[in-house]
Amino acid sequence: MQETSAEAFREYRESGELGEAQRAVLRALRSAPRPVTGAEIAEHMNLKGAWKRLSELERHGKAEKVGTRRCSISGKKASAWVASEGRRVPSVLARD
């Protein structure tokens, strides 16, 4: 990576701005009718690696884990996520 690219990336990270993929995942969280998993977002949006964006959004205070549930895509237990701002967090997640 060239020094100018590395410097630009550092400035971007320090700015607190969200990248395109992060904004797409946040839009999906905001529009979801219930808490969703990273795999469900990835499948719905055709966005590989959506789960990586969730922890980044959590660090920005934009998303939060609200429990675990069985993922409708993988069939495995996974963290369930919601958008942090402007969203009421359901008190109970669907049980397996």
PDB file of N, CA and C in Angstrom:
ATOM      1  N   MET A   1       0.846  -1.174   0.000  1.00  0.00           N
ATOM      2  CA  MET A   1       0.000   0.000   0.000  1.00  0.00           C
ATOM      3  C   MET A   1       0.890   1.235   0.000  1.00  0.00           C
ATOM      4  N   GLN A   2       0.562   2.175  -0.841  1.00  0.00           N
ATOM      5  CA  GLN A   2       1.343   3.402  -0.883  1.00  0.00           C
ATOM      6  C   GLN A   2       1.094   4.221   0.382  1.00  0.00           C
ATOM      7  N   GLU A   3       2.090   5.010   0.740  1.00  0.00           N
ATOM      8  CA  GLU A   3       1.981   5.828   1.951  1.00  0.00           C
ATOM      9  C   GLU A   3       0.772   6.756   1.891  1.00  0.00           C
ATOM     10  N   THR A   4       0.482   7.324   0.723  1.00  0.00           N
ATOM     11  CA  THR A   4      -0.668   8.236   0.623  1.00  0.00           C
ATOM     12  C   THR A   4      -1.979   7.493   0.872  1.00  0.00           C
ATOM     13  N   SER A   5      -2.080   6.244   0.406  1.00  0.00           N
ATOM     14  CA  SER A   5      -3.280   5.445   0.652  1.00  0.00           C
ATOM     15  C   SER A   5      -3.414   5.124   2.124  1.00  0.00           C
ATOM     16  N   ALA A   6      -2.326   4.753   2.750  1.00  0.00           N
ATOM     17  CA  ALA A   6      -2.342   4.435   4.178  1.00  0.00           C
ATOM     18  C   ALA A   6      -2.732   5.664   4.990  1.00  0.00           C
ATOM     19  N   GLU A   7      -2.210   6.816   4.614  1.00  0.00           N
ATOM     20  CA  GLU A   7      -2.536   8.053   5.327  1.00  0.00           C
ATOM     21  C   GLU A   7      -4.014   8.406   5.145  1.00  0.00           C
ATOM     22  N   ALA A   8      -4.513   8.262   3.939  1.00  0.00           N
ATOM     23  CA  ALA A   8      -5.925   8.548   3.670  1.00  0.00           C
ATOM     24  C   ALA A   8      -6.819   7.618   4.477  1.00  0.00           C
ATOM     25  N   PHE A   9      -6.434   6.347   4.572  1.00  0.00           N
ATOM     26  CA  PHE A   9      -7.214   5.389   5.344  1.00  0.00           C
ATOM     27  C   PHE A   9      -7.218   5.760   6.823  1.00  0.00           C
ATOM     28  N   ARG A  10      -6.066   6.148   7.357  1.00  0.00           N
ATOM     29  CA  ARG A  10      -5.991   6.567   8.767  1.00  0.00           C
ATOM     30  C   ARG A  10      -6.891   7.775   9.023  1.00  0.00           C
ATOM     31  N   GLU A  11      -6.856   8.729   8.132  1.00  0.00           N
ATOM     32  CA  GLU A  11      -7.696   9.923   8.285  1.00  0.00           C
ATOM     33  C   GLU A  11      -9.176   9.558   8.242  1.00  0.00           C
ATOM     34  N   TYR A  12      -9.523   8.661   7.331  1.00  0.00           N
ATOM     35  CA  TYR A  12     -10.908   8.206   7.212  1.00  0.00           C
ATOM     36  C   TYR A  12     -11.367   7.542   8.514  1.00  0.00           C
ATOM     37  N   ARG A  13     -10.558   6.648   9.046  1.00  0.00           N
ATOM     38  CA  ARG A  13     -10.928   5.938  10.278  1.00  0.00           C
ATOM     39  C   ARG A  13     -11.072   6.895  11.437  1.00  0.00           C
ATOM     40  N   GLU A  14     -10.186   7.876  11.511  1.00  0.00           N
ATOM     41  CA  GLU A  14     -10.225   8.838  12.610  1.00  0.00           C
ATOM     42  C   GLU A  14     -11.398   9.809  12.480  1.00  0.00           C
ATOM     43  N   SER A  15     -11.901  10.008  11.272  1.00  0.00           N
ATOM     44  CA  SER A  15     -12.986  10.966  11.047  1.00  0.00           C
ATOM     45  C   SER A  15     -14.312  10.485  11.639  1.00  0.00           C
ATOM     46  N   GLY A  16     -14.465   9.168  11.805  1.00  0.00           N
ATOM     47  CA  GLY A  16     -15.713   8.625  12.327  1.00  0.00           C
ATOM     48  C   GLY A  16     -16.805   8.492  11.274  1.00  0.00           C
ATOM     49  N   GLU A  17     -16.498   8.804  10.024  1.00  0.00           N
ATOM     50  CA  GLU A  17     -17.484   8.659   8.956  1.00  0.00           C
ATOM     51  C   GLU A  17     -17.687   7.184   8.630  1.00  0.00           C
ATOM     52  N   LEU A  18     -18.873   6.878   8.175  1.00  0.00           N
ATOM     53  CA  LEU A  18     -19.168   5.502   7.785  1.00  0.00           C
ATOM     54  C   LEU A  18     -18.862   5.305   6.313  1.00  0.00           C
ATOM     55  N   GLY A  19     -18.346   4.123   5.983  1.00  0.00           N
ATOM     56  CA  GLY A  19     -18.090   3.774   4.593  1.00  0.00           C
ATOM     57  C   GLY A  19     -19.364   3.302   3.914  1.00  0.00           C
ATOM     58  N   GLU A  20     -19.276   3.077   2.628  1.00  0.00           N
ATOM     59  CA  GLU A  20     -20.433   2.676   1.836  1.00  0.00           C
ATOM     60  C   GLU A  20     -21.051   1.363   2.339  1.00  0.00           C
ATOM     61  N   ALA A  21     -20.214   0.364   2.595  1.00  0.00           N
ATOM     62  CA  ALA A  21     -20.728  -0.928   3.069  1.00  0.00           C
ATOM     63  C   ALA A  21     -21.353  -0.779   4.456  1.00  0.00           C
ATOM     64  N   GLN A  22     -20.743   0.024   5.315  1.00  0.00           N
ATOM     65  CA  GLN A  22     -21.306   0.243   6.645  1.00  0.00           C
ATOM     66  C   GLN A  22     -22.671   0.916   6.545  1.00  0.00           C
ATOM     67  N   ARG A  23     -22.797   1.899   5.663  1.00  0.00           N
ATOM     68  CA  ARG A  23     -24.088   2.576   5.489  1.00  0.00           C
ATOM     69  C   ARG A  23     -25.139   1.611   4.958  1.00  0.00           C
ATOM     70  N   ALA A  24     -24.750   0.716   4.051  1.00  0.00           N
ATOM     71  CA  ALA A  24     -25.689  -0.266   3.508  1.00  0.00           C
ATOM     72  C   ALA A  24     -26.181  -1.214   4.601  1.00  0.00           C
ATOM     73  N   VAL A  25     -25.271  -1.677   5.435  1.00  0.00           N
ATOM     74  CA  VAL A  25     -25.650  -2.575   6.528  1.00  0.00           C
ATOM     75  C   VAL A  25     -26.535  -1.836   7.534  1.00  0.00           C
ATOM     76  N   LEU A  26     -26.216  -0.594   7.828  1.00  0.00           N
ATOM     77  CA  LEU A  26     -27.027   0.191   8.757  1.00  0.00           C
ATOM     78  C   LEU A  26     -28.439   0.391   8.198  1.00  0.00           C
ATOM     79  N   ARG A  27     -28.560   0.647   6.906  1.00  0.00           N
ATOM     80  CA  ARG A  27     -29.891   0.771   6.285  1.00  0.00           C
ATOM     81  C   ARG A  27     -30.670  -0.536   6.452  1.00  0.00           C
ATOM     82  N   ALA A  28     -29.981  -1.660   6.270  1.00  0.00           N
ATOM     83  CA  ALA A  28     -30.645  -2.964   6.426  1.00  0.00           C
ATOM     84  C   ALA A  28     -31.115  -3.162   7.865  1.00  0.00           C
ATOM     85  N   LEU A  29     -30.289  -2.781   8.830  1.00  0.00           N
ATOM     86  CA  LEU A  29     -30.685  -2.909  10.235  1.00  0.00           C
ATOM     87  C   LEU A  29     -31.900  -2.046  10.537  1.00  0.00           C
ATOM     88  N   ARG A  30     -31.898  -0.841  10.024  1.00  0.00           N
ATOM     89  CA  ARG A  30     -33.008   0.078  10.294  1.00  0.00           C
ATOM     90  C   ARG A  30     -34.316  -0.402   9.672  1.00  0.00           C
ATOM     91  N   SER A  31     -34.234  -1.074   8.547  1.00  0.00           N
ATOM     92  CA  SER A  31     -35.458  -1.508   7.869  1.00  0.00           C
ATOM     93  C   SER A  31     -35.918  -2.900   8.294  1.00  0.00           C
ATOM     94  N   ALA A  32     -35.093  -3.621   9.030  1.00  0.00           N
ATOM     95  CA  ALA A  32     -35.450  -4.990   9.437  1.00  0.00           C
ATOM     96  C   ALA A  32     -36.590  -4.956  10.462  1.00  0.00           C
ATOM     97  N   PRO A  33     -37.582  -5.836  10.302  1.00  0.00           N
ATOM     98  CA  PRO A  33     -38.710  -5.867  11.231  1.00  0.00           C
ATOM     99  C   PRO A  33     -38.375  -6.514  12.581  1.00  0.00           C
ATOM    100  N   ARG A  34     -37.232  -7.161  12.645  1.00  0.00           N
ATOM    101  CA  ARG A  34     -36.792  -7.824  13.886  1.00  0.00           C
ATOM    102  C   ARG A  34     -35.275  -7.847  13.887  1.00  0.00           C
ATOM    103  N   PRO A  35     -34.663  -8.197  15.010  1.00  0.00           N
ATOM    104  CA  PRO A  35     -33.200  -8.315  15.036  1.00  0.00           C
ATOM    105  C   PRO A  35     -32.718  -9.332  13.993  1.00  0.00           C
ATOM    106  N   VAL A  36     -31.618  -9.017  13.332  1.00  0.00           N
ATOM    107  CA  VAL A  36     -31.110  -9.847  12.240  1.00  0.00           C
ATOM    108  C   VAL A  36     -29.668 -10.250  12.485  1.00  0.00           C
ATOM    109  N   THR A  37     -29.244 -11.305  11.795  1.00  0.00           N
ATOM    110  CA  THR A  37     -27.864 -11.780  11.876  1.00  0.00           C
ATOM    111  C   THR A  37     -27.057 -11.229  10.704  1.00  0.00           C
ATOM    112  N   GLY A  38     -25.755 -11.312  10.829  1.00  0.00           N
ATOM    113  CA  GLY A  38     -24.886 -10.875   9.742  1.00  0.00           C
ATOM    114  C   GLY A  38     -25.131 -11.652   8.462  1.00  0.00           C
ATOM    115  N   ALA A  39     -25.365 -12.948   8.579  1.00  0.00           N
ATOM    116  CA  ALA A  39     -25.615 -13.780   7.392  1.00  0.00           C
ATOM    117  C   ALA A  39     -26.927 -13.403   6.715  1.00  0.00           C
ATOM    118  N   GLU A  40     -27.934 -13.043   7.506  1.00  0.00           N
ATOM    119  CA  GLU A  40     -29.211 -12.640   6.925  1.00  0.00           C
ATOM    120  C   GLU A  40     -29.061 -11.324   6.155  1.00  0.00           C
ATOM    121  N   ILE A  41     -28.311 -10.393   6.717  1.00  0.00           N
ATOM    122  CA  ILE A  41     -28.056  -9.135   6.004  1.00  0.00           C
ATOM    123  C   ILE A  41     -27.287  -9.413   4.721  1.00  0.00           C
ATOM    124  N   ALA A  42     -26.243 -10.234   4.827  1.00  0.00           N
ATOM    125  CA  ALA A  42     -25.425 -10.555   3.649  1.00  0.00           C
ATOM    126  C   ALA A  42     -26.268 -11.181   2.550  1.00  0.00           C
ATOM    127  N   GLU A  43     -27.146 -12.101   2.910  1.00  0.00           N
ATOM    128  CA  GLU A  43     -28.006 -12.775   1.926  1.00  0.00           C
ATOM    129  C   GLU A  43     -29.013 -11.799   1.323  1.00  0.00           C
ATOM    130  N   HIS A  44     -29.653 -11.024   2.164  1.00  0.00           N
ATOM    131  CA  HIS A  44     -30.682 -10.088   1.714  1.00  0.00           C
ATOM    132  C   HIS A  44     -30.110  -8.996   0.810  1.00  0.00           C
ATOM    133  N   MET A  45     -28.911  -8.531   1.134  1.00  0.00           N
ATOM    134  CA  MET A  45     -28.321  -7.418   0.401  1.00  0.00           C
ATOM    135  C   MET A  45     -27.271  -7.854  -0.613  1.00  0.00           C
ATOM    136  N   ASN A  46     -27.005  -9.164  -0.668  1.00  0.00           N
ATOM    137  CA  ASN A  46     -25.947  -9.672  -1.531  1.00  0.00           C
ATOM    138  C   ASN A  46     -24.629  -8.936  -1.240  1.00  0.00           C
ATOM    139  N   LEU A  47     -24.299  -8.875   0.042  1.00  0.00           N
ATOM    140  CA  LEU A  47     -23.130  -8.138   0.514  1.00  0.00           C
ATOM    141  C   LEU A  47     -22.263  -9.061   1.364  1.00  0.00           C
ATOM    142  N   LYS A  48     -21.232  -9.623   0.740  1.00  0.00           N
ATOM    143  CA  LYS A  48     -20.344 -10.519   1.479  1.00  0.00           C
ATOM    144  C   LYS A  48     -19.659  -9.754   2.606  1.00  0.00           C
ATOM    145  N   GLY A  49     -19.458 -10.433   3.722  1.00  0.00           N
ATOM    146  CA  GLY A  49     -18.742  -9.829   4.842  1.00  0.00           C
ATOM    147  C   GLY A  49     -19.551  -8.819   5.629  1.00  0.00           C
ATOM    148  N   ALA A  50     -20.878  -8.850   5.487  1.00  0.00           N
ATOM    149  CA  ALA A  50     -21.722  -7.899   6.223  1.00  0.00           C
ATOM    150  C   ALA A  50     -21.479  -8.019   7.722  1.00  0.00           C
ATOM    151  N   TRP A  51     -21.212  -9.225   8.185  1.00  0.00           N
ATOM    152  CA  TRP A  51     -20.984  -9.428   9.623  1.00  0.00           C
ATOM    153  C   TRP A  51     -19.807  -8.607  10.127  1.00  0.00           C
ATOM    154  N   LYS A  52     -18.817  -8.359   9.280  1.00  0.00           N
ATOM    155  CA  LYS A  52     -17.667  -7.547   9.702  1.00  0.00           C
ATOM    156  C   LYS A  52     -18.078  -6.104   9.957  1.00  0.00           C
ATOM    157  N   ARG A  53     -19.019  -5.630   9.172  1.00  0.00           N
ATOM    158  CA  ARG A  53     -19.472  -4.245   9.314  1.00  0.00           C
ATOM    159  C   ARG A  53     -20.256  -4.049  10.605  1.00  0.00           C
ATOM    160  N   LEU A  54     -20.895  -5.112  11.110  1.00  0.00           N
ATOM    161  CA  LEU A  54     -21.700  -4.990  12.316  1.00  0.00           C
ATOM    162  C   LEU A  54     -20.863  -4.577  13.526  1.00  0.00           C
ATOM    163  N   SER A  55     -19.712  -5.200  13.716  1.00  0.00           N
ATOM    164  CA  SER A  55     -18.869  -4.815  14.856  1.00  0.00           C
ATOM    165  C   SER A  55     -18.301  -3.411  14.670  1.00  0.00           C
ATOM    166  N   GLU A  56     -18.048  -3.022  13.423  1.00  0.00           N
ATOM    167  CA  GLU A  56     -17.590  -1.654  13.160  1.00  0.00           C
ATOM    168  C   GLU A  56     -18.690  -0.657  13.514  1.00  0.00           C
ATOM    169  N   LEU A  57     -19.924  -0.974  13.121  1.00  0.00           N
ATOM    170  CA  LEU A  57     -21.045  -0.109  13.462  1.00  0.00           C
ATOM    171  C   LEU A  57     -21.264  -0.056  14.964  1.00  0.00           C
ATOM    172  N   GLU A  58     -21.022  -1.172  15.637  1.00  0.00           N
ATOM    173  CA  GLU A  58     -21.140  -1.201  17.096  1.00  0.00           C
ATOM    174  C   GLU A  58     -20.128  -0.243  17.722  1.00  0.00           C
ATOM    175  N   ARG A  59     -18.900  -0.248  17.216  1.00  0.00           N
ATOM    176  CA  ARG A  59     -17.881   0.672  17.738  1.00  0.00           C
ATOM    177  C   ARG A  59     -18.255   2.133  17.513  1.00  0.00           C
ATOM    178  N   HIS A  60     -19.004   2.396  16.437  1.00  0.00           N
ATOM    179  CA  HIS A  60     -19.466   3.757  16.140  1.00  0.00           C
ATOM    180  C   HIS A  60     -20.736   4.110  16.917  1.00  0.00           C
ATOM    181  N   GLY A  61     -21.265   3.145  17.677  1.00  0.00           N
ATOM    182  CA  GLY A  61     -22.492   3.386  18.427  1.00  0.00           C
ATOM    183  C   GLY A  61     -23.749   3.358  17.567  1.00  0.00           C
ATOM    184  N   LYS A  62     -23.671   2.736  16.407  1.00  0.00           N
ATOM    185  CA  LYS A  62     -24.794   2.698  15.465  1.00  0.00           C
ATOM    186  C   LYS A  62     -25.559   1.378  15.486  1.00  0.00           C
ATOM    187  N   ALA A  63     -24.959   0.317  16.015  1.00  0.00           N
ATOM    188  CA  ALA A  63     -25.602  -0.999  16.053  1.00  0.00           C
ATOM    189  C   ALA A  63     -25.307  -1.644  17.399  1.00  0.00           C
ATOM    190  N   GLU A  64     -26.194  -2.542  17.798  1.00  0.00           N
ATOM    191  CA  GLU A  64     -25.950  -3.264  19.043  1.00  0.00           C
ATOM    192  C   GLU A  64     -26.486  -4.688  18.963  1.00  0.00           C
ATOM    193  N   LYS A  65     -25.772  -5.577  19.658  1.00  0.00           N
ATOM    194  CA  LYS A  65     -26.211  -6.963  19.778  1.00  0.00           C
ATOM    195  C   LYS A  65     -27.307  -6.995  20.832  1.00  0.00           C
ATOM    196  N   VAL A  66     -28.371  -7.739  20.537  1.00  0.00           N
ATOM    197  CA  VAL A  66     -29.473  -7.829  21.491  1.00  0.00           C
ATOM    198  C   VAL A  66     -29.737  -9.268  21.936  1.00  0.00           C
ATOM    199  N   GLY A  67     -28.848 -10.163  21.596  1.00  0.00           N
ATOM    200  CA  GLY A  67     -28.998 -11.553  21.998  1.00  0.00           C
ATOM    201  C   GLY A  67     -28.542 -12.479  20.891  1.00  0.00           C
ATOM    202  N   THR A  68     -28.963 -13.727  21.005  1.00  0.00           N
ATOM    203  CA  THR A  68     -28.651 -14.712  19.975  1.00  0.00           C
ATOM    204  C   THR A  68     -29.932 -15.425  19.573  1.00  0.00           C
ATOM    205  N   ARG A  69     -29.928 -15.929  18.369  1.00  0.00           N
ATOM    206  CA  ARG A  69     -31.050 -16.728  17.871  1.00  0.00           C
ATOM    207  C   ARG A  69     -30.552 -17.573  16.714  1.00  0.00           C
ATOM    208  N   ARG A  70     -31.376 -18.494  16.272  1.00  0.00           N
ATOM    209  CA  ARG A  70     -31.011 -19.339  15.144  1.00  0.00           C
ATOM    210  C   ARG A  70     -31.126 -18.519  13.867  1.00  0.00           C
ATOM    211  N   CYS A  71     -30.046 -18.475  13.098  1.00  0.00           N
ATOM    212  CA  CYS A  71     -29.999 -17.727  11.845  1.00  0.00           C
ATOM    213  C   CYS A  71     -30.797 -18.470  10.783  1.00  0.00           C
ATOM    214  N   SER A  72     -31.632 -17.752  10.058  1.00  0.00           N
ATOM    215  CA  SER A  72     -32.452 -18.386   9.018  1.00  0.00           C
ATOM    216  C   SER A  72     -31.632 -18.791   7.795  1.00  0.00           C
ATOM    217  N   ILE A  73     -30.399 -18.296   7.687  1.00  0.00           N
ATOM    218  CA  ILE A  73     -29.546 -18.638   6.552  1.00  0.00           C
ATOM    219  C   ILE A  73     -28.640 -19.821   6.888  1.00  0.00           C
ATOM    220  N   SER A  74     -27.912 -19.717   7.995  1.00  0.00           N
ATOM    221  CA  SER A  74     -26.943 -20.758   8.355  1.00  0.00           C
ATOM    222  C   SER A  74     -27.551 -21.891   9.177  1.00  0.00           C
ATOM    223  N   GLY A  75     -28.656 -21.614   9.850  1.00  0.00           N
ATOM    224  CA  GLY A  75     -29.255 -22.604  10.739  1.00  0.00           C
ATOM    225  C   GLY A  75     -28.537 -22.707  12.070  1.00  0.00           C
ATOM    226  N   LYS A  76     -27.506 -21.900  12.268  1.00  0.00           N
ATOM    227  CA  LYS A  76     -26.727 -21.931  13.513  1.00  0.00           C
ATOM    228  C   LYS A  76     -27.104 -20.758  14.394  1.00  0.00           C
ATOM    229  N   LYS A  77     -26.783 -20.890  15.688  1.00  0.00           N
ATOM    230  CA  LYS A  77     -26.990 -19.762  16.592  1.00  0.00           C
ATOM    231  C   LYS A  77     -26.039 -18.648  16.215  1.00  0.00           C
ATOM    232  N   ALA A  78     -26.548 -17.429  16.228  1.00  0.00           N
ATOM    233  CA  ALA A  78     -25.736 -16.278  15.848  1.00  0.00           C
ATOM    234  C   ALA A  78     -26.212 -15.057  16.628  1.00  0.00           C
ATOM    235  N   SER A  79     -25.355 -14.064  16.708  1.00  0.00           N
ATOM    236  CA  SER A  79     -25.732 -12.803  17.342  1.00  0.00           C
ATOM    237  C   SER A  79     -26.820 -12.135  16.519  1.00  0.00           C
ATOM    238  N   ALA A  80     -27.779 -11.554  17.219  1.00  0.00           N
ATOM    239  CA  ALA A  80     -28.844 -10.798  16.565  1.00  0.00           C
ATOM    240  C   ALA A  80     -28.588  -9.315  16.818  1.00  0.00           C
ATOM    241  N   TRP A  81     -28.771  -8.516  15.777  1.00  0.00           N
ATOM    242  CA  TRP A  81     -28.397  -7.100  15.815  1.00  0.00           C
ATOM    243  C   TRP A  81     -29.568  -6.197  15.470  1.00  0.00           C
ATOM    244  N   VAL A  82     -29.530  -4.977  16.020  1.00  0.00           N
ATOM    245  CA  VAL A  82     -30.464  -3.912  15.671  1.00  0.00           C
ATOM    246  C   VAL A  82     -29.673  -2.616  15.530  1.00  0.00           C
ATOM    247  N   ALA A  83     -30.272  -1.639  14.854  1.00  0.00           N
ATOM    248  CA  ALA A  83     -29.684  -0.301  14.798  1.00  0.00           C
ATOM    249  C   ALA A  83     -29.871   0.333  16.171  1.00  0.00           C
ATOM    250  N   SER A  84     -28.872   1.028  16.649  1.00  0.00           N
ATOM    251  CA  SER A  84     -28.933   1.619  17.986  1.00  0.00           C
ATOM    252  C   SER A  84     -29.798   2.857  18.050  1.00  0.00           C
ATOM    253  N   GLU A  85     -29.683   3.737  17.086  1.00  0.00           N
ATOM    254  CA  GLU A  85     -30.391   5.004  17.175  1.00  0.00           C
ATOM    255  C   GLU A  85     -31.761   4.921  16.531  1.00  0.00           C
ATOM    256  N   GLY A  86     -32.733   5.492  17.200  1.00  0.00           N
ATOM    257  CA  GLY A  86     -34.073   5.578  16.633  1.00  0.00           C
ATOM    258  C   GLY A  86     -34.802   4.263  16.501  1.00  0.00           C
ATOM    259  N   ARG A  87     -34.459   3.274  17.299  1.00  0.00           N
ATOM    260  CA  ARG A  87     -35.112   1.972  17.170  1.00  0.00           C
ATOM    261  C   ARG A  87     -35.356   1.412  18.555  1.00  0.00           C
ATOM    262  N   ARG A  88     -36.546   0.919  18.795  1.00  0.00           N
ATOM    263  CA  ARG A  88     -36.847   0.256  20.058  1.00  0.00           C
ATOM    264  C   ARG A  88     -36.349  -1.172  19.985  1.00  0.00           C
ATOM    265  N   VAL A  89     -35.608  -1.593  20.966  1.00  0.00           N
ATOM    266  CA  VAL A  89     -35.069  -2.951  20.984  1.00  0.00           C
ATOM    267  C   VAL A  89     -36.112  -3.889  21.574  1.00  0.00           C
ATOM    268  N   PRO A  90     -36.487  -4.944  20.851  1.00  0.00           N
ATOM    269  CA  PRO A  90     -37.457  -5.908  21.398  1.00  0.00           C
ATOM    270  C   PRO A  90     -36.907  -6.534  22.667  1.00  0.00           C
ATOM    271  N   SER A  91     -37.777  -6.721  23.633  1.00  0.00           N
ATOM    272  CA  SER A  91     -37.318  -7.259  24.914  1.00  0.00           C
ATOM    273  C   SER A  91     -37.083  -8.764  24.863  1.00  0.00           C
ATOM    274  N   VAL A  92     -37.728  -9.452  23.928  1.00  0.00           N
ATOM    275  CA  VAL A  92     -37.577 -10.899  23.836  1.00  0.00           C
ATOM    276  C   VAL A  92     -37.311 -11.288  22.393  1.00  0.00           C
ATOM    277  N   LEU A  93     -36.278 -12.078  22.183  1.00  0.00           N
ATOM    278  CA  LEU A  93     -35.994 -12.611  20.848  1.00  0.00           C
ATOM    279  C   LEU A  93     -36.712 -13.946  20.692  1.00  0.00           C
ATOM    280  N   ALA A  94     -36.968 -14.309  19.459  1.00  0.00           N
ATOM    281  CA  ALA A  94     -37.587 -15.600  19.185  1.00  0.00           C
ATOM    282  C   ALA A  94     -36.711 -16.719  19.715  1.00  0.00           C
ATOM    283  N   ARG A  95     -37.300 -17.637  20.387  1.00  0.00           N
ATOM    284  CA  ARG A  95     -36.573 -18.792  20.939  1.00  0.00           C
ATOM    285  C   ARG A  95     -36.594 -19.928  19.938  1.00  0.00           C
ATOM    286  N   ASP A  96     -35.548 -20.762  20.009  1.00  0.00           N
ATOM    287  CA  ASP A  96     -35.496 -21.928  19.130  1.00  0.00           C
ATOM    288  C   ASP A  96     -36.427 -23.008  19.611  1.00  0.00           C
TER     289      ASP A  96
END
